[in-house]
Amino acid sequence: MKANEVSIHEIRAEETYAVRQEILRPGRPPEEVRFAGDLDSTTVHLGAFLENRLVGIATYVQNSHRDFDFPYQYQLRGMAVLPEVQKMRIGERILKAGENLLKEQKNVGFLWCNARETAVEFYRRNNYQAHGKYFEIPHVCTHIVMYKVL
């Protein structure tokens, strides 16, 4: 299988839940995979499909971070790629697709996320900058805020 065989398109919030559960909240209650803003009309959920199988997800929520003075911000939430395809650059493709969609269709100029400590290098390779100090999300892991001017 090759990454160029991957298609990325919008999906419903409910379609993200199984991947969120497996990758982001293993062993946690199912209700923890439903995030604030999931059902907002301004929220965008993207799915990456390989041979018609959902292998990666990302959610983009209109949400401002108090530390940044940009008028129209979005937060990247719940980005995950199944382990067996993580070396295929699918995460990068989902991230770029989301950035492009936000810029072109929603005129968004600023994207931020609470990045897992284990994903910091991924975001740095994609031109995100760290902000502030590391912090713990209970029952999840260590995170840091990262952002990008689009």
Foldseek 3Di string as FASTA:
>chain_A
DAPVQKDKDWDALVVLQVQCQVPFNDPDDSVVSDDPQRPDPPKTKMFIDHPNDTFWIKIKGFDDDPVDDDDTEIEIPRTGGHPVCVVRCVSVVNVVVVVVCCCPPVVDFKYKYFAAPVCVVVVVVVPKDWDDDWDDDPSGHITTMIMDGD
